[in-house]
Protein backbone atom coordinates (compact mmCIF):
# COMPACT_ATOMS: atom_id res chain seq x y z
CA MET A 1 -39.14 -5.29 -55.57
CA SER A 2 -39.13 -4.55 -51.99
CA GLU A 3 -38.46 -0.87 -50.64
CA ASP A 4 -35.06 -2.25 -49.14
CA LEU A 5 -34.10 -4.11 -52.13
CA ARG A 6 -34.89 -1.01 -54.16
CA GLN A 7 -32.67 1.28 -51.84
CA LEU A 8 -30.13 -1.27 -52.00
CA LEU A 9 -30.10 -1.60 -55.74
CA ASP A 10 -29.65 2.25 -56.17
CA VAL A 11 -26.53 2.38 -53.63
CA ALA A 12 -24.98 -0.78 -55.70
CA ARG A 13 -25.56 0.92 -59.27
CA ARG A 14 -24.20 4.53 -57.77
CA ALA A 15 -20.93 2.40 -56.47
CA ALA A 16 -20.53 0.65 -59.84
CA ARG A 17 -20.71 4.13 -61.58
CA GLN A 18 -18.12 6.06 -59.11
CA ALA A 19 -16.18 2.99 -59.56
CA SER A 20 -16.00 3.06 -63.52
CA ALA A 21 -14.98 6.84 -63.41
CA ALA A 22 -11.81 5.83 -61.53
CA ILE A 23 -11.35 2.83 -63.60
CA LEU A 24 -11.70 5.04 -67.02
CA GLU A 25 -8.99 7.19 -65.89
CA ILE A 26 -6.66 4.49 -65.47
CA TYR A 27 -7.81 3.03 -68.43
CA ALA A 28 -6.82 5.90 -71.10
CA ALA A 29 -3.26 6.05 -69.29
CA PRO A 30 -0.29 3.70 -69.03
CA PHE A 31 -0.59 0.90 -66.30
CA ASP A 32 1.37 -1.58 -64.43
CA VAL A 33 0.20 -5.33 -64.45
CA ARG A 34 1.31 -7.04 -61.17
CA ARG A 35 0.61 -10.76 -60.23
CA LYS A 36 -1.23 -12.06 -57.27
CA ASP A 37 -0.69 -15.03 -55.30
CA ASP A 38 -2.25 -17.29 -57.74
CA ALA A 39 -0.96 -15.86 -60.68
CA SER A 40 -3.96 -14.08 -61.81
CA PRO A 41 -3.10 -10.05 -62.89
CA VAL A 42 -4.08 -6.99 -61.40
CA THR A 43 -3.62 -3.51 -61.59
CA GLU A 44 -4.45 -0.30 -59.98
CA ALA A 45 -7.92 -0.14 -61.60
CA ASP A 46 -9.09 -3.37 -59.69
CA GLU A 47 -7.98 -1.82 -56.33
CA ARG A 48 -8.90 1.83 -56.52
CA ALA A 49 -12.06 0.40 -57.66
CA GLU A 50 -12.68 -1.79 -54.76
CA ARG A 51 -11.85 0.84 -52.30
CA ILE A 52 -14.69 3.48 -53.83
CA ILE A 53 -17.30 0.56 -53.82
CA LEU A 54 -16.17 -0.98 -50.05
CA ALA A 55 -16.34 2.92 -48.92
CA ALA A 56 -19.75 3.61 -50.47
CA LEU A 57 -21.08 0.11 -49.37
CA ALA A 58 -19.72 0.25 -45.87
CA ALA A 59 -21.34 4.22 -45.68
CA ALA A 60 -24.77 3.00 -47.06
CA THR A 61 -24.81 -0.59 -45.38
CA PRO A 62 -22.64 -0.90 -42.58
CA ALA A 63 -24.18 -3.83 -41.09
CA ILE A 64 -24.10 -6.09 -44.27
CA PRO A 65 -20.59 -7.95 -44.86
CA VAL A 66 -18.51 -7.58 -48.26
CA ILE A 67 -16.95 -10.27 -49.94
CA ALA A 68 -14.39 -8.45 -52.29
CA GLU A 69 -11.90 -10.20 -54.83
CA GLU A 70 -8.91 -7.84 -53.83
CA LEU A 71 -9.71 -7.99 -50.00
CA VAL A 72 -10.28 -12.12 -50.14
CA ALA A 73 -6.67 -11.78 -52.28
CA ALA A 74 -5.03 -9.58 -49.27
CA LYS A 75 -6.56 -11.08 -46.07
CA GLY A 76 -8.04 -14.71 -47.42
CA ALA A 77 -12.11 -15.59 -47.37
CA PRO A 78 -14.01 -16.17 -44.27
CA GLU A 79 -14.33 -19.77 -42.95
CA GLN A 80 -18.55 -19.23 -42.95
CA ALA A 81 -20.06 -17.28 -45.22
CA PRO A 82 -22.84 -14.89 -43.62
CA PRO A 83 -26.12 -15.10 -44.20
CA ARG A 84 -26.35 -12.07 -46.13
CA PHE A 85 -23.59 -10.57 -47.47
CA TRP A 86 -22.12 -8.23 -50.83
CA LEU A 87 -20.05 -9.94 -53.76
CA VAL A 88 -17.84 -7.11 -55.44
CA ASP A 89 -15.73 -7.46 -58.37
CA PRO A 90 -14.69 -4.17 -59.14
CA VAL A 91 -12.77 -5.10 -62.60
CA ASP A 92 -14.58 -8.71 -64.03
CA GLY A 93 -12.28 -9.23 -67.03
CA THR A 94 -8.69 -7.82 -65.83
CA LYS A 95 -7.36 -9.64 -69.04
CA GLU A 96 -9.77 -7.83 -70.98
CA PHE A 97 -8.98 -4.50 -69.20
CA ILE A 98 -5.31 -5.00 -69.78
CA ALA A 99 -5.81 -6.10 -73.78
CA LYS A 100 -7.97 -3.06 -73.88
CA ASN A 101 -10.67 -4.04 -75.60
CA GLY A 102 -13.30 -2.81 -73.52
CA GLU A 103 -14.85 -6.25 -72.57
CA PHE A 104 -14.61 -5.83 -68.76
CA SER A 105 -17.60 -4.79 -66.02
CA VAL A 106 -18.03 -3.58 -62.27
CA ASN A 107 -19.89 -6.33 -60.62
CA ILE A 108 -21.74 -5.66 -57.08
CA GLY A 109 -24.08 -8.86 -56.28
CA LEU A 110 -26.38 -9.24 -52.58
CA VAL A 111 -26.79 -12.81 -51.54
CA GLU A 112 -29.20 -13.89 -48.82
CA GLY A 113 -29.50 -17.51 -48.07
CA ALA A 114 -27.21 -18.87 -50.56
CA LYS A 115 -29.11 -17.01 -53.47
CA PRO A 116 -28.17 -13.76 -55.18
CA VAL A 117 -31.16 -11.32 -55.14
CA LEU A 118 -29.63 -8.14 -56.68
CA GLY A 119 -27.00 -7.59 -59.33
CA VAL A 120 -25.73 -4.68 -60.82
CA ILE A 121 -23.35 -5.06 -63.73
CA HIS A 122 -21.63 -1.41 -65.29
CA VAL A 123 -19.46 -1.85 -68.49
CA PRO A 124 -17.35 1.13 -68.29
CA VAL A 125 -16.47 1.39 -71.99
CA THR A 126 -20.11 1.84 -73.11
CA ASN A 127 -21.42 3.10 -69.92
CA VAL A 128 -24.38 0.46 -69.62
CA THR A 129 -25.93 -0.68 -66.79
CA TYR A 130 -27.79 -4.00 -66.31
CA ALA A 131 -29.23 -4.34 -62.98
CA ALA A 132 -31.93 -6.38 -61.14
CA ALA A 133 -33.41 -7.23 -57.82
CA GLY A 134 -36.03 -10.24 -58.17
CA HIS A 135 -38.46 -11.30 -60.81
CA GLY A 136 -39.36 -9.39 -63.75
CA THR A 137 -37.03 -6.33 -62.44
CA ALA A 138 -34.15 -6.68 -65.25
CA THR A 139 -32.82 -3.54 -66.89
CA ARG A 140 -30.54 -2.23 -69.20
CA GLN A 141 -29.44 1.34 -68.92
CA GLU A 142 -27.34 3.52 -71.45
CA GLY A 143 -25.82 6.38 -69.68
CA ASP A 144 -28.34 8.50 -67.84
CA ALA A 145 -31.33 7.38 -69.86
CA PRO A 146 -34.13 5.76 -68.25
CA PRO A 147 -33.67 2.04 -67.43
CA VAL A 148 -35.19 -0.27 -70.23
CA PRO A 149 -36.38 -3.76 -69.08
CA ILE A 150 -35.07 -6.73 -70.78
CA ALA A 151 -36.05 -10.63 -70.60
CA VAL A 152 -34.58 -13.79 -72.10
CA ARG A 153 -35.87 -15.01 -75.42
CA PRO A 154 -37.02 -18.10 -76.93
CA VAL A 155 -34.36 -19.96 -78.76
CA PRO A 156 -34.89 -18.73 -82.58
CA PRO A 157 -35.42 -21.21 -84.80
CA SER A 158 -32.05 -20.93 -86.60
CA GLY A 159 -30.44 -22.23 -83.79
CA ALA A 160 -28.89 -21.05 -80.17
CA VAL A 161 -26.55 -18.42 -79.53
CA VAL A 162 -23.75 -19.76 -77.17
CA ALA A 163 -21.97 -17.10 -75.51
CA GLN A 164 -18.23 -18.11 -75.01
CA SER A 165 -15.32 -16.18 -72.85
CA ARG A 166 -12.64 -14.76 -75.13
CA SER A 167 -10.01 -15.46 -72.72
CA HIS A 168 -11.15 -18.77 -71.08
CA ARG A 169 -12.45 -20.96 -74.13
CA ASP A 170 -12.70 -24.43 -71.93
CA GLY A 171 -11.19 -26.79 -74.75
CA GLU A 172 -12.73 -29.95 -75.46
CA ARG A 173 -15.49 -29.63 -72.83
CA MET A 174 -16.88 -26.68 -74.68
CA ARG A 175 -16.44 -28.67 -78.07
CA ALA A 176 -18.53 -31.30 -77.15
CA TYR A 177 -21.20 -28.86 -75.28
CA LEU A 178 -21.76 -27.28 -78.61
CA ALA A 179 -21.55 -30.81 -80.64
CA ASN A 180 -24.66 -31.31 -78.62
CA LEU A 181 -26.80 -28.60 -80.02
CA ALA A 182 -28.71 -28.20 -83.27
CA ALA A 183 -26.60 -25.74 -85.26
CA PRO A 184 -25.18 -23.65 -82.52
CA GLN A 185 -24.19 -19.84 -83.08
CA THR A 186 -21.36 -18.89 -80.57
CA ARG A 187 -20.58 -15.44 -79.94
CA ILE A 188 -17.74 -14.05 -78.12
CA SER A 189 -16.80 -11.88 -75.27
CA GLY A 190 -15.32 -11.11 -71.98
CA SER A 191 -16.28 -10.95 -68.52
CA SER A 192 -19.54 -10.87 -66.91
CA ILE A 193 -21.00 -9.30 -69.90
CA LYS A 194 -21.85 -12.99 -71.17
CA PHE A 195 -24.87 -13.02 -68.04
CA CYS A 196 -25.93 -9.80 -69.80
CA LEU A 197 -26.15 -11.34 -73.58
CA VAL A 198 -28.78 -13.76 -72.13
CA ALA A 199 -30.53 -11.65 -69.97
CA GLU A 200 -31.26 -9.27 -72.77
CA GLY A 201 -31.56 -11.77 -75.16
CA SER A 202 -29.19 -11.50 -77.26
CA ALA A 203 -27.54 -15.29 -76.99
CA ASP A 204 -29.39 -18.41 -75.16
CA LEU A 205 -26.72 -20.52 -73.34
CA TYR A 206 -23.60 -19.35 -71.70
CA PRO A 207 -22.32 -22.74 -70.20
CA ARG A 208 -18.78 -22.40 -67.97
CA PHE A 209 -16.64 -25.06 -67.33
CA GLY A 210 -13.53 -24.50 -64.88
CA THR A 211 -13.09 -22.51 -61.78
CA THR A 212 -14.71 -18.80 -61.34
CA MET A 213 -15.32 -17.35 -58.13
CA GLU A 214 -18.85 -16.43 -56.66
CA TRP A 215 -17.84 -12.62 -56.93
CA ASP A 216 -17.31 -13.45 -60.91
CA THR A 217 -21.43 -14.81 -60.64
CA GLY A 218 -23.57 -12.87 -58.36
CA ALA A 219 -24.50 -10.03 -59.83
CA GLY A 220 -24.89 -11.59 -63.28
CA GLN A 221 -26.84 -14.87 -61.94
CA ALA A 222 -29.24 -12.24 -60.33
CA ILE A 223 -29.55 -10.54 -63.39
CA VAL A 224 -30.51 -13.31 -65.71
CA GLU A 225 -32.76 -14.97 -63.62
CA ALA A 226 -34.93 -11.36 -62.65
CA ALA A 227 -34.88 -11.56 -66.94
CA GLY A 228 -36.67 -15.51 -66.44
CA GLY A 229 -33.62 -17.11 -67.36
CA SER A 230 -31.19 -19.47 -64.91
CA VAL A 231 -28.09 -20.06 -63.72
CA VAL A 232 -27.60 -23.93 -63.05
CA THR A 233 -24.89 -26.67 -62.08
CA LEU A 234 -24.38 -29.81 -64.56
CA ASP A 235 -26.63 -31.94 -62.34
CA GLY A 236 -29.40 -29.39 -62.94
CA ALA A 237 -29.01 -27.62 -59.53
CA PRO A 238 -29.44 -23.76 -59.12
CA LEU A 239 -25.96 -21.93 -58.67
CA ARG A 240 -25.50 -21.53 -54.83
CA TYR A 241 -23.56 -19.24 -52.49
CA GLY A 242 -21.53 -18.71 -49.69
CA LYS A 243 -19.61 -22.02 -50.43
CA PRO A 244 -16.15 -23.35 -49.48
CA GLN A 245 -13.55 -20.10 -50.53
CA PHE A 246 -16.01 -18.81 -52.61
CA ARG A 247 -15.33 -21.07 -55.13
CA ASN A 248 -18.09 -22.24 -57.85
CA THR A 249 -18.24 -25.40 -59.67
CA ASP A 250 -18.87 -25.48 -63.83
CA PHE A 251 -22.34 -24.21 -64.41
CA ILE A 252 -25.04 -23.11 -67.54
CA VAL A 253 -26.45 -19.76 -68.03
CA ARG A 254 -29.61 -20.59 -69.57
CA GLY A 255 -32.42 -18.21 -71.30
CA ARG A 256 -35.64 -19.27 -72.29
CA VAL A 257 -34.42 -23.36 -72.93
CA THR A 258 -36.57 -25.87 -72.58
CA GLY A 259 -34.97 -29.84 -72.50
């Protein structure tokens, strides 16, 4: 890991944790739920957390533009992606936040040349932070304990564990995908935690069919790739960034899977 990326990783980790503290304050009390123009839900936690992250990134890296979910919702996406930019999802899994099941995260990623090169995913309820900035650097950190290296695993003889979204099951396409696997087991989880399950070797695959945005995936992809896995489109190409409207196609997160 270069010294530049090391410093940026520290910036992102601190920003995610600062945002997490504000998120948990709102999570512990009654809160209102509103709908954005695309009908997706938003709460004060999304907005307050994003303000905290944007302020932290602006103070530490004023020359790096930020593409953030609520900022794009309010002002629209830029017509052309910068060559280097932060991706921010202040509360990934807002539906899980509203359901109060704990399965939501704070996502901060850094993209260079259409590739995510750094990622931090912090899970506020469990106080666990996943982070990476380059091959072999993926870690899992519980609270203030030292970060522990993580890596993808070979598929166990009992069959692949497939992470599935709690709120987006993808219907027939997911059933067809699972039907082509040998004795798959499924594990349900919300938000970008599914990327982390693959990165730490708790799951082997995470297929996602349907619309996602780059801020949903950038941090997770950086962590999975650093842990030895991959995130590819259905034609096998790496998922790239800076696309029109920052919108993703279908993709599959893979651990140490061959074939």
